[in-house]
Amino acid sequence: MKLTYYGHSAFQIETKGTTLLFDPFITGNAHTDGVVTPGDLDPDVILLTHAHGDHWGDTLEIAARSGALLVANFEITSYARRHGHKNVQPLNTGGSWRFDWGTVTQTYARHSSSFPDGTYGGNPNGYLLFLEGICIYNAGDTCPFAEMAWIGEDHEVDLALLPIGDCFTMGPEDSIRAARMVKPALAIPVHYDTFPPIEVDTARWSGMMAEAGFEARVLAPGETLER
């Protein structure tokens, strides 16, 4: 399994010959300058946590060109169908779907969700991914919530992607609370430093994670992690 981070909450996973792309906010994302363009991306599957512009991003352009399967909640997949992309797999909170390459469970996220044009985007979500014997938790945009403890109790989470930017999601301190519930073997921060309101000190965050007993790794845009 290979994970490549593109900045903000956009990242790609390559597994069993399948490429999964998450929250492809590329155009307008300062982190992607000189790193990747929408035209560079040719995923088999696009997974969206919610409909805000900094997550929906270039979804329709990339999906139309690649023919990728779009996995998201019912409202987002319905919106995509209305805008011409018919290859979708709707899910909703707590639901799972088994693919040839792995299993996806859509989790709760405590946030909001609407498309750039104001259309309601349904409940925001995160994802549990079970790939090649590895469990990955993409928390999505969220604050900590008590049911995260169930994720940590029910699964051995190998990798958690946790937002740390504060203002619109949990900040560094609350991400430690989330990690204590999820208990990941490795935590990677997302949703930070893209705009002035979400600028944080990632070195301080890494130190806080270490002090709390968790391994953490900050990925630069374009950097790849293999497990």
Protein backbone atom coordinates (compact mmCIF):
# COMPACT_ATOMS: atom_id res chain seq x y z
CA MET A 1 0.00 0.00 0.00
CA LYS A 2 1.37 3.40 -1.00
CA LEU A 3 -0.10 6.70 0.21
CA THR A 4 0.82 10.03 -1.40
CA TYR A 5 -0.21 13.28 0.29
CA TYR A 6 -1.06 16.34 -1.81
CA GLY A 7 -1.73 18.85 0.94
CA HIS A 8 -4.84 19.96 2.81
CA SER A 9 -6.98 16.78 2.87
CA ALA A 10 -6.15 15.46 -0.60
CA PHE A 11 -4.25 12.20 -0.84
CA GLN A 12 -3.97 9.10 -2.97
CA ILE A 13 -3.64 5.42 -2.07
CA GLU A 14 -2.39 2.76 -4.44
CA THR A 15 -3.46 -0.76 -3.44
CA LYS A 16 -3.77 -4.03 -5.36
CA GLY A 17 -3.44 -2.28 -8.70
CA THR A 18 -6.19 0.21 -7.80
CA THR A 19 -5.72 3.94 -7.24
CA LEU A 20 -7.94 5.66 -4.67
CA LEU A 21 -8.10 9.47 -4.58
CA PHE A 22 -9.53 11.32 -1.58
CA ASP A 23 -10.98 14.85 -1.50
CA PRO A 24 -9.24 16.08 -4.68
CA PHE A 25 -8.96 19.79 -3.92
CA ILE A 26 -6.10 20.51 -6.34
CA THR A 27 -7.00 23.72 -8.19
CA GLY A 28 -6.67 26.62 -5.75
CA ASN A 29 -4.75 24.52 -3.22
CA ALA A 30 -1.44 26.30 -2.58
CA HIS A 31 0.14 23.03 -1.41
CA THR A 32 -0.19 21.46 -4.86
CA ASP A 33 1.68 24.18 -6.78
CA GLY A 34 4.50 22.43 -8.62
CA VAL A 35 3.48 19.10 -7.08
CA VAL A 36 0.44 17.88 -8.97
CA THR A 37 -2.29 19.11 -11.31
CA PRO A 38 -5.75 17.63 -11.87
CA GLY A 39 -4.54 16.34 -15.24
CA ASP A 40 -1.82 14.30 -13.54
CA LEU A 41 -4.37 12.25 -11.62
CA ASP A 42 -6.00 9.16 -13.10
CA PRO A 43 -7.75 7.37 -10.21
CA ASP A 44 -9.93 4.29 -10.38
CA VAL A 45 -11.94 5.50 -7.38
CA ILE A 46 -12.61 8.94 -5.87
CA LEU A 47 -13.79 9.05 -2.24
CA LEU A 48 -15.24 12.23 -0.76
CA THR A 49 -15.70 13.03 2.91
CA HIS A 50 -18.07 15.95 2.30
CA ALA A 51 -19.12 18.59 -0.21
CA HIS A 52 -17.22 21.74 0.82
CA GLY A 53 -15.20 23.25 -2.01
CA ASP A 54 -11.86 22.46 -0.37
CA HIS A 55 -12.76 18.74 -0.57
CA TRP A 56 -15.11 18.48 -3.58
CA GLY A 57 -12.50 20.47 -5.52
CA ASP A 58 -11.77 19.00 -8.96
CA THR A 59 -13.95 15.92 -8.51
CA LEU A 60 -16.12 16.30 -11.61
CA GLU A 61 -13.23 17.15 -13.93
CA ILE A 62 -11.12 14.22 -12.75
CA ALA A 63 -14.07 11.81 -12.68
CA ALA A 64 -15.21 12.75 -16.19
CA ARG A 65 -11.75 12.23 -17.65
CA SER A 66 -10.81 9.08 -15.74
CA GLY A 67 -14.24 7.45 -15.48
CA ALA A 68 -13.51 6.85 -11.80
CA LEU A 69 -16.09 5.37 -9.48
CA LEU A 70 -17.26 8.07 -7.06
CA VAL A 71 -17.81 6.86 -3.48
CA ALA A 72 -19.56 9.28 -1.14
CA ASN A 73 -22.78 9.78 0.75
CA PHE A 74 -26.14 9.65 -1.01
CA GLU A 75 -26.49 13.42 -1.41
CA ILE A 76 -23.03 13.82 -2.97
CA THR A 77 -23.42 10.91 -5.38
CA SER A 78 -26.88 12.19 -6.35
CA TYR A 79 -25.42 15.65 -7.04
CA ALA A 80 -22.68 14.07 -9.18
CA ARG A 81 -25.27 12.12 -11.17
CA ARG A 82 -27.25 15.29 -11.81
CA HIS A 83 -24.06 16.86 -13.14
CA GLY A 84 -23.38 14.00 -15.56
CA HIS A 85 -21.26 11.48 -13.65
CA LYS A 86 -23.21 8.24 -13.36
CA ASN A 87 -20.49 5.88 -12.04
CA VAL A 88 -21.19 6.18 -8.32
CA GLN A 89 -21.43 4.07 -5.18
CA PRO A 90 -23.50 5.80 -2.48
CA LEU A 91 -22.93 5.05 1.18
CA ASN A 92 -24.22 6.53 4.40
CA THR A 93 -22.96 6.77 7.95
CA GLY A 94 -22.11 3.33 9.35
CA GLY A 95 -22.55 1.57 6.01
CA SER A 96 -19.87 -0.58 4.38
CA TRP A 97 -19.19 -1.77 0.86
CA ARG A 98 -16.85 -4.55 -0.21
CA PHE A 99 -14.79 -4.00 -3.33
CA ASP A 100 -12.30 -6.30 -5.05
CA TRP A 101 -9.50 -4.19 -3.60
CA GLY A 102 -10.79 -3.84 -0.02
CA THR A 103 -13.65 -2.79 2.23
CA VAL A 104 -14.82 0.76 2.97
CA THR A 105 -16.93 1.81 5.96
CA GLN A 106 -18.30 5.33 6.09
CA THR A 107 -17.99 6.82 9.57
CA TYR A 108 -19.52 9.80 11.31
CA ALA A 109 -17.81 13.20 11.26
CA ARG A 110 -19.01 16.19 13.24
CA HIS A 111 -18.89 19.08 10.79
CA SER A 112 -21.15 20.61 8.09
CA SER A 113 -21.46 20.00 4.37
CA SER A 114 -22.67 21.99 1.38
CA PHE A 115 -21.50 22.36 -2.21
CA PRO A 116 -19.94 25.62 -3.44
CA ASP A 117 -23.28 26.49 -5.07
CA GLY A 118 -25.06 26.14 -1.72
CA THR A 119 -26.67 22.74 -2.38
CA TYR A 120 -26.95 20.62 0.77
CA GLY A 121 -24.24 17.95 0.85
CA GLY A 122 -25.67 15.53 3.40
CA ASN A 123 -23.94 14.47 6.58
CA PRO A 124 -20.15 14.85 6.54
CA ASN A 125 -18.23 11.61 6.94
CA GLY A 126 -14.92 9.91 7.51
CA TYR A 127 -13.79 6.51 6.28
CA LEU A 128 -12.41 3.27 7.63
CA LEU A 129 -10.48 1.45 4.92
CA PHE A 130 -9.41 -2.17 5.13
CA LEU A 131 -6.70 -2.71 2.52
CA GLU A 132 -4.10 -5.47 2.29
CA GLY A 133 -4.54 -6.32 5.96
CA ILE A 134 -4.11 -2.66 6.96
CA CYS A 135 -6.75 -0.50 8.68
CA ILE A 136 -6.72 3.20 7.76
CA TYR A 137 -8.95 5.80 9.40
CA ASN A 138 -9.51 9.02 7.47
CA ALA A 139 -11.36 11.12 10.06
CA GLY A 140 -12.52 13.77 7.58
CA ASP A 141 -13.29 17.26 8.85
CA THR A 142 -14.38 16.80 12.43
CA CYS A 143 -13.91 17.51 16.10
CA PRO A 144 -13.42 14.61 18.50
CA PHE A 145 -16.58 12.68 19.35
CA ALA A 146 -17.11 9.92 21.88
CA GLU A 147 -17.82 7.18 19.33
CA MET A 148 -14.20 7.43 18.12
CA ALA A 149 -13.49 5.19 21.09
CA TRP A 150 -15.50 2.43 19.39
CA ILE A 151 -13.17 2.65 16.38
CA GLY A 152 -10.19 2.15 18.67
CA GLU A 153 -11.91 -0.68 20.53
CA ASP A 154 -13.15 -2.55 17.46
CA HIS A 155 -10.16 -2.16 15.15
CA GLU A 156 -6.39 -2.07 15.26
CA VAL A 157 -5.90 1.17 13.38
CA ASP A 158 -2.56 1.17 11.58
CA LEU A 159 -2.82 4.70 10.23
CA ALA A 160 -5.06 7.66 11.12
CA LEU A 161 -5.32 10.89 9.14
CA LEU A 162 -6.45 13.54 11.60
CA PRO A 163 -7.26 17.21 10.94
CA ILE A 164 -5.25 19.58 13.13
CA GLY A 165 -5.84 23.06 11.66
CA ASP A 166 -8.35 24.27 14.25
CA CYS A 167 -10.96 26.96 13.41
CA PHE A 168 -13.02 24.69 11.10
CA THR A 169 -11.98 21.33 12.58
CA MET A 170 -10.29 20.10 15.73
CA GLY A 171 -6.93 21.64 16.50
CA PRO A 172 -3.71 20.05 17.78
CA GLU A 173 -4.91 19.57 21.36
CA ASP A 174 -8.17 17.94 20.39
CA SER A 175 -6.42 15.73 17.84
CA ILE A 176 -4.52 14.23 20.80
CA ARG A 177 -7.87 13.46 22.43
CA ALA A 178 -8.97 11.79 19.20
CA ALA A 179 -5.75 9.77 19.01
CA ARG A 180 -6.25 8.53 22.57
CA MET A 181 -9.61 7.09 21.50
CA VAL A 182 -8.60 5.74 18.08
CA LYS A 183 -5.16 4.50 19.21
CA PRO A 184 -3.47 4.51 15.80
CA ALA A 185 -0.04 3.00 15.25
CA LEU A 186 0.78 6.10 13.19
CA ALA A 187 -0.96 9.49 12.89
CA ILE A 188 -0.63 11.87 9.94
CA PRO A 189 -1.97 15.44 10.14
CA VAL A 190 -4.25 16.90 7.45
CA HIS A 191 -6.31 20.06 6.91
CA TYR A 192 -3.74 22.61 8.06
CA ASP A 193 -1.64 25.53 6.73
CA THR A 194 -3.71 25.94 3.53
CA PHE A 195 -5.29 29.25 4.62
CA PRO A 196 -4.31 31.71 7.37
CA PRO A 197 -7.07 30.58 9.80
CA ILE A 198 -5.72 27.02 9.87
CA GLU A 199 -2.00 27.66 10.16
CA VAL A 200 -0.45 25.58 12.96
CA ASP A 201 2.96 24.62 14.31
CA THR A 202 3.37 21.04 13.09
CA ALA A 203 6.61 20.56 15.03
CA ARG A 204 4.75 21.40 18.23
CA TRP A 205 1.97 18.98 17.23
CA SER A 206 4.48 16.19 16.60
CA GLY A 207 6.01 16.82 20.01
CA MET A 208 2.59 16.69 21.66
CA MET A 209 1.83 13.41 19.93
CA ALA A 210 5.14 11.93 21.05
CA GLU A 211 4.53 13.09 24.62
CA ALA A 212 1.13 11.38 24.50
CA GLY A 213 2.79 8.15 23.35
CA PHE A 214 1.87 8.18 19.66
CA GLU A 215 4.04 7.95 16.57
CA ALA A 216 3.34 10.83 14.19
CA ARG A 217 4.66 11.82 10.79
CA VAL A 218 4.14 15.09 8.95
CA LEU A 219 4.11 14.53 5.19
CA ALA A 220 5.17 17.28 2.80
CA PRO A 221 2.97 17.76 -0.28
CA GLY A 222 3.96 15.10 -2.80
CA GLU A 223 5.59 12.89 -0.18
CA THR A 224 4.79 9.17 -0.18
CA LEU A 225 4.41 6.69 2.65
CA GLU A 226 4.60 2.93 2.08
CA ARG A 227 3.29 0.31 4.51
